[in-house]
All heavy atoms as atom14 arrays in JSON, in Angstrom:
{
  "sequence": "AESPVNIECRVTEIKSLGSHDLFLAQVVSVGVEEALLDASGRLRL",
  "atom14_mask": [
    [1, 1, 1, 1, 1, 0, 0, 0, 0, 0, 0, 0, 0, 0],
    [1, 1, 1, 1, 1, 1, 1, 1, 1, 0, 0, 0, 0, 0],
    [1, 1, 1, 1, 1, 1, 0, 0, 0, 0, 0, 0, 0, 0],
    [1, 1, 1, 1, 1, 1, 1, 0, 0, 0, 0, 0, 0, 0],
    [1, 1, 1, 1, 1, 1, 1, 0, 0, 0, 0, 0, 0, 0],
    [1, 1, 1, 1, 1, 1, 1, 1, 0, 0, 0, 0, 0, 0],
    [1, 1, 1, 1, 1, 1, 1, 1, 0, 0, 0, 0, 0, 0],
    [1, 1, 1, 1, 1, 1, 1, 1, 1, 0, 0, 0, 0, 0],
    [1, 1, 1, 1, 1, 1, 0, 0, 0, 0, 0, 0, 0, 0],
    [1, 1, 1, 1, 1, 1, 1, 1, 1, 1, 1, 0, 0, 0],
    [1, 1, 1, 1, 1, 1, 1, 0, 0, 0, 0, 0, 0, 0],
    [1, 1, 1, 1, 1, 1, 1, 0, 0, 0, 0, 0, 0, 0],
    [1, 1, 1, 1, 1, 1, 1, 1, 1, 0, 0, 0, 0, 0],
    [1, 1, 1, 1, 1, 1, 1, 1, 0, 0, 0, 0, 0, 0],
    [1, 1, 1, 1, 1, 1, 1, 1, 1, 0, 0, 0, 0, 0],
    [1, 1, 1, 1, 1, 1, 0, 0, 0, 0, 0, 0, 0, 0],
    [1, 1, 1, 1, 1, 1, 1, 1, 0, 0, 0, 0, 0, 0],
    [1, 1, 1, 1, 0, 0, 0, 0, 0, 0, 0, 0, 0, 0],
    [1, 1, 1, 1, 1, 1, 0, 0, 0, 0, 0, 0, 0, 0],
    [1, 1, 1, 1, 1, 1, 1, 1, 1, 1, 0, 0, 0, 0],
    [1, 1, 1, 1, 1, 1, 1, 1, 0, 0, 0, 0, 0, 0],
    [1, 1, 1, 1, 1, 1, 1, 1, 0, 0, 0, 0, 0, 0],
    [1, 1, 1, 1, 1, 1, 1, 1, 1, 1, 1, 0, 0, 0],
    [1, 1, 1, 1, 1, 1, 1, 1, 0, 0, 0, 0, 0, 0],
    [1, 1, 1, 1, 1, 0, 0, 0, 0, 0, 0, 0, 0, 0],
    [1, 1, 1, 1, 1, 1, 1, 1, 1, 0, 0, 0, 0, 0],
    [1, 1, 1, 1, 1, 1, 1, 0, 0, 0, 0, 0, 0, 0],
    [1, 1, 1, 1, 1, 1, 1, 0, 0, 0, 0, 0, 0, 0],
    [1, 1, 1, 1, 1, 1, 0, 0, 0, 0, 0, 0, 0, 0],
    [1, 1, 1, 1, 1, 1, 1, 0, 0, 0, 0, 0, 0, 0],
    [1, 1, 1, 1, 0, 0, 0, 0, 0, 0, 0, 0, 0, 0],
    [1, 1, 1, 1, 1, 1, 1, 0, 0, 0, 0, 0, 0, 0],
    [1, 1, 1, 1, 1, 1, 1, 1, 1, 0, 0, 0, 0, 0],
    [1, 1, 1, 1, 1, 1, 1, 1, 1, 0, 0, 0, 0, 0],
    [1, 1, 1, 1, 1, 0, 0, 0, 0, 0, 0, 0, 0, 0],
    [1, 1, 1, 1, 1, 1, 1, 1, 0, 0, 0, 0, 0, 0],
    [1, 1, 1, 1, 1, 1, 1, 1, 0, 0, 0, 0, 0, 0],
    [1, 1, 1, 1, 1, 1, 1, 1, 0, 0, 0, 0, 0, 0],
    [1, 1, 1, 1, 1, 0, 0, 0, 0, 0, 0, 0, 0, 0],
    [1, 1, 1, 1, 1, 1, 0, 0, 0, 0, 0, 0, 0, 0],
    [1, 1, 1, 1, 0, 0, 0, 0, 0, 0, 0, 0, 0, 0],
    [1, 1, 1, 1, 1, 1, 1, 1, 1, 1, 1, 0, 0, 0],
    [1, 1, 1, 1, 1, 1, 1, 1, 0, 0, 0, 0, 0, 0],
    [1, 1, 1, 1, 1, 1, 1, 1, 1, 1, 1, 0, 0, 0],
    [1, 1, 1, 1, 1, 1, 1, 1, 0, 0, 0, 0, 0, 0]
  ],
  "atom14_positions": [
    [[30.11, 42.02, 75.9], [31.55, 41.91, 76.19], [32.3, 43.21, 75.87], [33.24, 43.56, 76.58], [32.13, 40.75, 75.4], [0.0, 0.0, 0.0], [0.0, 0.0, 0.0], [0.0, 0.0, 0.0], [0.0, 0.0, 0.0], [0.0, 0.0, 0.0], [0.0, 0.0, 0.0], [0.0, 0.0, 0.0], [0.0, 0.0, 0.0], [0.0, 0.0, 0.0]],
    [[31.89, 43.92, 74.83], [32.61, 45.13, 74.41], [32.33, 46.32, 75.33], [33.02, 47.35, 75.23], [32.22, 45.48, 72.99], [32.74, 44.53, 71.93], [31.92, 43.25, 71.83], [30.85, 43.14, 72.47], [32.35, 42.33, 71.08], [0.0, 0.0, 0.0], [0.0, 0.0, 0.0], [0.0, 0.0, 0.0], [0.0, 0.0, 0.0], [0.0, 0.0, 0.0]],
    [[31.35, 46.21, 76.2], [31.06, 47.32, 77.13], [32.06, 47.3, 78.27], [32.43, 46.25, 78.77], [29.63, 47.15, 77.69], [29.4, 48.06, 78.74], [0.0, 0.0, 0.0], [0.0, 0.0, 0.0], [0.0, 0.0, 0.0], [0.0, 0.0, 0.0], [0.0, 0.0, 0.0], [0.0, 0.0, 0.0], [0.0, 0.0, 0.0], [0.0, 0.0, 0.0]],
    [[32.53, 48.48, 78.72], [33.49, 48.52, 79.81], [32.94, 48.1, 81.15], [33.68, 47.63, 82.02], [33.93, 49.98, 79.84], [32.8, 50.75, 79.26], [32.22, 49.85, 78.22], [0.0, 0.0, 0.0], [0.0, 0.0, 0.0], [0.0, 0.0, 0.0], [0.0, 0.0, 0.0], [0.0, 0.0, 0.0], [0.0, 0.0, 0.0], [0.0, 0.0, 0.0]],
    [[31.64, 48.26, 81.35], [31.0, 47.91, 82.62], [29.64, 47.26, 82.34], [28.82, 47.8, 81.6], [30.8, 49.15, 83.53], [30.08, 48.77, 84.8], [32.14, 49.8, 83.85], [0.0, 0.0, 0.0], [0.0, 0.0, 0.0], [0.0, 0.0, 0.0], [0.0, 0.0, 0.0], [0.0, 0.0, 0.0], [0.0, 0.0, 0.0], [0.0, 0.0, 0.0]],
    [[29.42, 46.09, 82.93], [28.15, 45.38, 82.81], [27.51, 45.33, 84.19], [28.07, 44.78, 85.13], [28.36, 43.97, 82.3], [29.31, 43.89, 81.1], [30.4, 43.4, 81.22], [28.87, 44.4, 79.97], [0.0, 0.0, 0.0], [0.0, 0.0, 0.0], [0.0, 0.0, 0.0], [0.0, 0.0, 0.0], [0.0, 0.0, 0.0], [0.0, 0.0, 0.0]],
    [[26.32, 45.92, 84.33], [25.63, 46.03, 85.61], [24.45, 45.07, 85.61], [23.44, 45.3, 84.93], [25.17, 47.47, 85.87], [26.34, 48.44, 85.73], [24.52, 47.6, 87.25], [25.95, 49.91, 85.72], [0.0, 0.0, 0.0], [0.0, 0.0, 0.0], [0.0, 0.0, 0.0], [0.0, 0.0, 0.0], [0.0, 0.0, 0.0], [0.0, 0.0, 0.0]],
    [[24.56, 43.96, 86.36], [23.52, 42.94, 86.38], [22.42, 43.37, 87.37], [22.71, 43.76, 88.5], [24.12, 41.61, 86.81], [25.19, 41.1, 85.86], [25.82, 39.81, 86.33], [25.14, 39.05, 87.09], [26.98, 39.51, 85.96], [0.0, 0.0, 0.0], [0.0, 0.0, 0.0], [0.0, 0.0, 0.0], [0.0, 0.0, 0.0], [0.0, 0.0, 0.0]],
    [[21.18, 43.3, 86.92], [20.06, 43.84, 87.68], [18.89, 42.87, 87.79], [18.61, 42.14, 86.83], [19.58, 45.14, 87.05], [20.85, 46.38, 86.78], [0.0, 0.0, 0.0], [0.0, 0.0, 0.0], [0.0, 0.0, 0.0], [0.0, 0.0, 0.0], [0.0, 0.0, 0.0], [0.0, 0.0, 0.0], [0.0, 0.0, 0.0], [0.0, 0.0, 0.0]],
    [[18.21, 42.92, 88.94], [16.95, 42.19, 89.12], [15.85, 43.19, 89.43], [16.0, 44.04, 90.33], [17.07, 41.17, 90.27], [17.92, 39.95, 89.92], [17.64, 38.8, 90.83], [18.49, 37.65, 90.5], [19.47, 37.22, 91.28], [19.69, 37.8, 92.46], [20.21, 36.2, 90.9], [0.0, 0.0, 0.0], [0.0, 0.0, 0.0], [0.0, 0.0, 0.0]],
    [[14.77, 43.1, 88.7], [13.64, 44.02, 88.84], [12.95, 43.8, 90.17], [12.64, 42.67, 90.57], [12.63, 43.83, 87.7], [11.43, 44.77, 87.91], [13.3, 44.12, 86.35], [0.0, 0.0, 0.0], [0.0, 0.0, 0.0], [0.0, 0.0, 0.0], [0.0, 0.0, 0.0], [0.0, 0.0, 0.0], [0.0, 0.0, 0.0], [0.0, 0.0, 0.0]],
    [[12.71, 44.89, 90.9], [12.01, 44.82, 92.18], [10.6, 45.41, 92.1], [9.73, 45.05, 92.88], [12.77, 45.6, 93.26], [12.92, 46.97, 92.89], [14.17, 44.98, 93.49], [0.0, 0.0, 0.0], [0.0, 0.0, 0.0], [0.0, 0.0, 0.0], [0.0, 0.0, 0.0], [0.0, 0.0, 0.0], [0.0, 0.0, 0.0], [0.0, 0.0, 0.0]],
    [[10.41, 46.31, 91.14], [9.09, 46.96, 91.04], [8.94, 47.61, 89.65], [9.93, 48.05, 89.06], [8.97, 48.05, 92.12], [7.61, 48.69, 92.23], [7.56, 49.73, 93.36], [8.52, 49.83, 94.14], [6.55, 50.45, 93.43], [0.0, 0.0, 0.0], [0.0, 0.0, 0.0], [0.0, 0.0, 0.0], [0.0, 0.0, 0.0], [0.0, 0.0, 0.0]],
    [[7.73, 47.64, 89.15], [7.43, 48.31, 87.9], [6.33, 49.34, 88.17], [5.26, 49.02, 88.67], [6.95, 47.34, 86.82], [7.98, 46.22, 86.59], [6.67, 48.09, 85.49], [7.51, 45.15, 85.63], [0.0, 0.0, 0.0], [0.0, 0.0, 0.0], [0.0, 0.0, 0.0], [0.0, 0.0, 0.0], [0.0, 0.0, 0.0], [0.0, 0.0, 0.0]],
    [[6.65, 50.61, 87.87], [5.7, 51.68, 88.1], [5.15, 52.2, 86.75], [5.93, 52.6, 85.88], [6.35, 52.85, 88.84], [6.63, 52.58, 90.31], [7.22, 53.8, 90.98], [7.26, 53.66, 92.49], [5.9, 53.66, 93.08], [0.0, 0.0, 0.0], [0.0, 0.0, 0.0], [0.0, 0.0, 0.0], [0.0, 0.0, 0.0], [0.0, 0.0, 0.0]],
    [[3.84, 52.17, 86.6], [3.23, 52.67, 85.38], [3.04, 54.19, 85.52], [2.37, 54.67, 86.42], [1.87, 52.02, 85.17], [1.29, 52.46, 83.95], [0.0, 0.0, 0.0], [0.0, 0.0, 0.0], [0.0, 0.0, 0.0], [0.0, 0.0, 0.0], [0.0, 0.0, 0.0], [0.0, 0.0, 0.0], [0.0, 0.0, 0.0], [0.0, 0.0, 0.0]],
    [[3.65, 54.96, 84.61], [3.69, 56.41, 84.78], [2.98, 57.19, 83.67], [2.71, 58.35, 83.82], [5.15, 56.88, 84.86], [5.98, 56.3, 85.99], [7.43, 56.78, 85.87], [5.4, 56.67, 87.34], [0.0, 0.0, 0.0], [0.0, 0.0, 0.0], [0.0, 0.0, 0.0], [0.0, 0.0, 0.0], [0.0, 0.0, 0.0], [0.0, 0.0, 0.0]],
    [[2.72, 56.55, 82.56], [2.1, 57.23, 81.41], [2.7, 56.72, 80.14], [2.49, 55.56, 79.76], [0.0, 0.0, 0.0], [0.0, 0.0, 0.0], [0.0, 0.0, 0.0], [0.0, 0.0, 0.0], [0.0, 0.0, 0.0], [0.0, 0.0, 0.0], [0.0, 0.0, 0.0], [0.0, 0.0, 0.0], [0.0, 0.0, 0.0], [0.0, 0.0, 0.0]],
    [[3.49, 57.54, 79.44], [4.1, 57.12, 78.21], [5.11, 55.99, 78.41], [5.35, 55.16, 77.53], [4.81, 58.29, 77.52], [5.88, 58.77, 78.32], [0.0, 0.0, 0.0], [0.0, 0.0, 0.0], [0.0, 0.0, 0.0], [0.0, 0.0, 0.0], [0.0, 0.0, 0.0], [0.0, 0.0, 0.0], [0.0, 0.0, 0.0], [0.0, 0.0, 0.0]],
    [[5.72, 55.96, 79.61], [6.72, 54.95, 79.95], [6.39, 54.29, 81.28], [5.72, 54.87, 82.13], [8.13, 55.58, 80.08], [8.71, 56.06, 78.79], [8.16, 57.1, 78.08], [9.79, 55.64, 78.09], [8.89, 57.31, 76.96], [9.9, 56.45, 76.97], [0.0, 0.0, 0.0], [0.0, 0.0, 0.0], [0.0, 0.0, 0.0], [0.0, 0.0, 0.0]],
    [[6.9, 53.07, 81.43], [6.87, 52.41, 82.74], [8.28, 52.45, 83.31], [9.26, 52.29, 82.57], [6.39, 50.96, 82.62], [4.88, 50.85, 82.54], [4.22, 51.91, 82.48], [4.36, 49.72, 82.57], [0.0, 0.0, 0.0], [0.0, 0.0, 0.0], [0.0, 0.0, 0.0], [0.0, 0.0, 0.0], [0.0, 0.0, 0.0], [0.0, 0.0, 0.0]],
    [[8.36, 52.65, 84.61], [9.65, 52.73, 85.28], [9.97, 51.4, 85.94], [9.23, 50.91, 86.8], [9.61, 53.83, 86.35], [10.9, 54.09, 87.13], [11.97, 54.68, 86.22], [10.63, 55.02, 88.31], [0.0, 0.0, 0.0], [0.0, 0.0, 0.0], [0.0, 0.0, 0.0], [0.0, 0.0, 0.0], [0.0, 0.0, 0.0], [0.0, 0.0, 0.0]],
    [[11.06, 50.78, 85.52], [11.55, 49.55, 86.12], [12.57, 49.9, 87.22], [13.64, 50.46, 86.91], [12.22, 48.66, 85.08], [11.26, 48.01, 84.11], [10.7, 48.75, 83.06], [10.89, 46.69, 84.27], [9.83, 48.17, 82.16], [10.0, 46.09, 83.36], [9.46, 46.82, 82.32], [0.0, 0.0, 0.0], [0.0, 0.0, 0.0], [0.0, 0.0, 0.0]],
    [[12.28, 49.59, 88.45], [13.22, 49.74, 89.54], [13.93, 48.4, 89.73], [13.27, 47.35, 89.71], [12.52, 50.14, 90.84], [11.6, 51.36, 90.77], [10.98, 51.62, 92.14], [12.37, 52.57, 90.3], [0.0, 0.0, 0.0], [0.0, 0.0, 0.0], [0.0, 0.0, 0.0], [0.0, 0.0, 0.0], [0.0, 0.0, 0.0], [0.0, 0.0, 0.0]],
    [[15.23, 48.41, 89.89], [15.97, 47.16, 89.95], [17.14, 47.25, 90.92], [17.78, 48.3, 91.05], [16.47, 46.78, 88.56], [0.0, 0.0, 0.0], [0.0, 0.0, 0.0], [0.0, 0.0, 0.0], [0.0, 0.0, 0.0], [0.0, 0.0, 0.0], [0.0, 0.0, 0.0], [0.0, 0.0, 0.0], [0.0, 0.0, 0.0], [0.0, 0.0, 0.0]],
    [[17.41, 46.13, 91.54], [18.57, 46.05, 92.44], [19.77, 45.51, 91.66], [19.66, 44.57, 90.89], [18.28, 45.13, 93.61], [19.4, 45.07, 94.64], [18.98, 44.39, 95.95], [17.79, 44.16, 96.17], [19.94, 44.09, 96.78], [0.0, 0.0, 0.0], [0.0, 0.0, 0.0], [0.0, 0.0, 0.0], [0.0, 0.0, 0.0], [0.0, 0.0, 0.0]],
    [[20.91, 46.16, 91.87], [22.16, 45.71, 91.25], [22.68, 44.51, 92.04], [22.88, 44.6, 93.24], [23.21, 46.83, 91.23], [24.52, 46.32, 90.66], [22.7, 48.04, 90.45], [0.0, 0.0, 0.0], [0.0, 0.0, 0.0], [0.0, 0.0, 0.0], [0.0, 0.0, 0.0], [0.0, 0.0, 0.0], [0.0, 0.0, 0.0], [0.0, 0.0, 0.0]],
    [[22.87, 43.39, 91.35], [23.3, 42.17, 92.04], [24.76, 41.82, 91.75], [25.41, 41.05, 92.47], [22.38, 40.97, 91.7], [21.0, 41.22, 92.25], [22.36, 40.7, 90.2], [0.0, 0.0, 0.0], [0.0, 0.0, 0.0], [0.0, 0.0, 0.0], [0.0, 0.0, 0.0], [0.0, 0.0, 0.0], [0.0, 0.0, 0.0], [0.0, 0.0, 0.0]],
    [[25.32, 42.37, 90.66], [26.71, 42.13, 90.34], [27.16, 43.13, 89.29], [26.35, 43.64, 88.52], [26.9, 40.69, 89.8], [28.26, 40.42, 89.53], [0.0, 0.0, 0.0], [0.0, 0.0, 0.0], [0.0, 0.0, 0.0], [0.0, 0.0, 0.0], [0.0, 0.0, 0.0], [0.0, 0.0, 0.0], [0.0, 0.0, 0.0], [0.0, 0.0, 0.0]],
    [[28.45, 43.43, 89.28], [29.01, 44.36, 88.32], [30.28, 43.78, 87.7], [31.19, 43.38, 88.43], [29.35, 45.72, 88.97], [29.98, 46.68, 87.96], [28.13, 46.35, 89.61], [0.0, 0.0, 0.0], [0.0, 0.0, 0.0], [0.0, 0.0, 0.0], [0.0, 0.0, 0.0], [0.0, 0.0, 0.0], [0.0, 0.0, 0.0], [0.0, 0.0, 0.0]],
    [[30.32, 43.71, 86.4], [31.53, 43.27, 85.69], [32.29, 44.45, 85.14], [31.69, 45.32, 84.48], [0.0, 0.0, 0.0], [0.0, 0.0, 0.0], [0.0, 0.0, 0.0], [0.0, 0.0, 0.0], [0.0, 0.0, 0.0], [0.0, 0.0, 0.0], [0.0, 0.0, 0.0], [0.0, 0.0, 0.0], [0.0, 0.0, 0.0], [0.0, 0.0, 0.0]],
    [[33.59, 44.5, 85.39], [34.42, 45.64, 85.0], [35.58, 45.17, 84.13], [36.25, 44.2, 84.47], [34.96, 46.4, 86.22], [35.86, 47.56, 85.82], [33.81, 46.91, 87.08], [0.0, 0.0, 0.0], [0.0, 0.0, 0.0], [0.0, 0.0, 0.0], [0.0, 0.0, 0.0], [0.0, 0.0, 0.0], [0.0, 0.0, 0.0], [0.0, 0.0, 0.0]],
    [[35.86, 45.88, 83.05], [36.96, 45.55, 82.17], [38.29, 45.76, 82.91], [38.59, 46.86, 83.4], [36.91, 46.44, 80.92], [37.92, 46.1, 79.87], [37.8, 47.01, 78.65], [36.69, 47.52, 78.39], [38.82, 47.18, 77.96], [0.0, 0.0, 0.0], [0.0, 0.0, 0.0], [0.0, 0.0, 0.0], [0.0, 0.0, 0.0], [0.0, 0.0, 0.0]],
    [[39.08, 44.7, 82.98], [40.32, 44.75, 83.77], [41.29, 45.78, 83.24], [42.09, 46.36, 84.0], [40.97, 43.37, 83.77], [40.23, 42.34, 84.59], [40.96, 41.0, 84.66], [41.95, 40.81, 83.93], [40.53, 40.15, 85.46], [0.0, 0.0, 0.0], [0.0, 0.0, 0.0], [0.0, 0.0, 0.0], [0.0, 0.0, 0.0], [0.0, 0.0, 0.0]],
    [[41.29, 46.06, 81.95], [42.22, 47.02, 81.35], [42.01, 48.43, 81.88], [42.88, 49.3, 81.75], [42.1, 47.02, 79.84], [0.0, 0.0, 0.0], [0.0, 0.0, 0.0], [0.0, 0.0, 0.0], [0.0, 0.0, 0.0], [0.0, 0.0, 0.0], [0.0, 0.0, 0.0], [0.0, 0.0, 0.0], [0.0, 0.0, 0.0], [0.0, 0.0, 0.0]],
    [[40.85, 48.69, 82.49], [40.55, 50.02, 83.01], [40.97, 50.18, 84.47], [40.74, 51.23, 85.06], [39.05, 50.3, 82.89], [38.5, 50.34, 81.47], [37.0, 50.5, 81.47], [39.18, 51.44, 80.64], [0.0, 0.0, 0.0], [0.0, 0.0, 0.0], [0.0, 0.0, 0.0], [0.0, 0.0, 0.0], [0.0, 0.0, 0.0], [0.0, 0.0, 0.0]],
    [[41.57, 49.15, 85.04], [42.05, 49.24, 86.43], [43.5, 49.67, 86.45], [44.32, 49.19, 85.65], [41.91, 47.88, 87.12], [40.5, 47.26, 87.17], [40.54, 45.92, 87.85], [39.51, 48.2, 87.84], [0.0, 0.0, 0.0], [0.0, 0.0, 0.0], [0.0, 0.0, 0.0], [0.0, 0.0, 0.0], [0.0, 0.0, 0.0], [0.0, 0.0, 0.0]],
    [[43.86, 50.6, 87.36], [45.24, 51.04, 87.46], [46.02, 50.06, 88.37], [45.47, 49.05, 88.82], [45.35, 52.47, 87.94], [44.78, 52.7, 89.35], [44.63, 51.7, 90.09], [44.5, 53.85, 89.69], [0.0, 0.0, 0.0], [0.0, 0.0, 0.0], [0.0, 0.0, 0.0], [0.0, 0.0, 0.0], [0.0, 0.0, 0.0], [0.0, 0.0, 0.0]],
    [[47.27, 50.39, 88.65], [48.13, 49.49, 89.42], [47.59, 49.22, 90.81], [47.84, 48.16, 91.41], [49.54, 50.07, 89.5], [0.0, 0.0, 0.0], [0.0, 0.0, 0.0], [0.0, 0.0, 0.0], [0.0, 0.0, 0.0], [0.0, 0.0, 0.0], [0.0, 0.0, 0.0], [0.0, 0.0, 0.0], [0.0, 0.0, 0.0], [0.0, 0.0, 0.0]],
    [[46.84, 50.18, 91.37], [46.29, 50.01, 92.71], [44.92, 49.34, 92.72], [44.31, 49.15, 93.76], [46.19, 51.38, 93.41], [45.25, 52.19, 92.75], [0.0, 0.0, 0.0], [0.0, 0.0, 0.0], [0.0, 0.0, 0.0], [0.0, 0.0, 0.0], [0.0, 0.0, 0.0], [0.0, 0.0, 0.0], [0.0, 0.0, 0.0], [0.0, 0.0, 0.0]],
    [[44.43, 49.0, 91.51], [43.1, 48.36, 91.41], [41.95, 49.33, 91.32], [40.8, 48.92, 91.3], [0.0, 0.0, 0.0], [0.0, 0.0, 0.0], [0.0, 0.0, 0.0], [0.0, 0.0, 0.0], [0.0, 0.0, 0.0], [0.0, 0.0, 0.0], [0.0, 0.0, 0.0], [0.0, 0.0, 0.0], [0.0, 0.0, 0.0], [0.0, 0.0, 0.0]],
    [[42.25, 50.63, 91.21], [41.2, 51.63, 91.11], [40.67, 51.72, 89.68], [41.44, 51.7, 88.72], [41.73, 53.0, 91.53], [40.69, 54.1, 91.52], [41.27, 55.4, 92.03], [40.27, 56.49, 91.96], [40.52, 57.74, 92.29], [41.72, 58.1, 92.73], [39.57, 58.65, 92.19], [0.0, 0.0, 0.0], [0.0, 0.0, 0.0], [0.0, 0.0, 0.0]],
    [[39.36, 51.82, 89.52], [38.73, 51.91, 88.21], [38.97, 53.3, 87.61], [38.64, 54.31, 88.21], [37.24, 51.63, 88.33], [36.43, 51.75, 87.04], [36.91, 50.75, 85.98], [34.94, 51.56, 87.33], [0.0, 0.0, 0.0], [0.0, 0.0, 0.0], [0.0, 0.0, 0.0], [0.0, 0.0, 0.0], [0.0, 0.0, 0.0], [0.0, 0.0, 0.0]],
    [[39.51, 53.31, 86.39], [39.75, 54.55, 85.66], [38.79, 54.55, 84.45], [39.19, 54.37, 83.3], [41.2, 54.64, 85.21], [42.21, 54.66, 86.34], [42.07, 55.91, 87.17], [43.12, 55.96, 88.21], [43.24, 56.98, 89.08], [42.4, 58.01, 89.0], [44.18, 56.99, 89.99], [0.0, 0.0, 0.0], [0.0, 0.0, 0.0], [0.0, 0.0, 0.0]],
    [[37.53, 54.75, 84.71], [36.49, 54.64, 83.7], [36.63, 55.7, 82.6], [36.2, 55.48, 81.47], [35.11, 54.71, 84.36], [33.91, 54.25, 83.55], [34.13, 52.86, 83.0], [32.65, 54.31, 84.41], [0.0, 0.0, 0.0], [0.0, 0.0, 0.0], [0.0, 0.0, 0.0], [0.0, 0.0, 0.0], [0.0, 0.0, 0.0], [0.0, 0.0, 0.0]]
  ]
}
């Protein structure tokens, strides 16, 4: 809740690369803190 932007993701693929695995994910929804929107509705991050 305290984060200004919450990006909801669903994993589409996992690539094994070595020390790390890469999770590729599609963004399915984004929650934005209303206080960061100006009068025109533009995000002022």
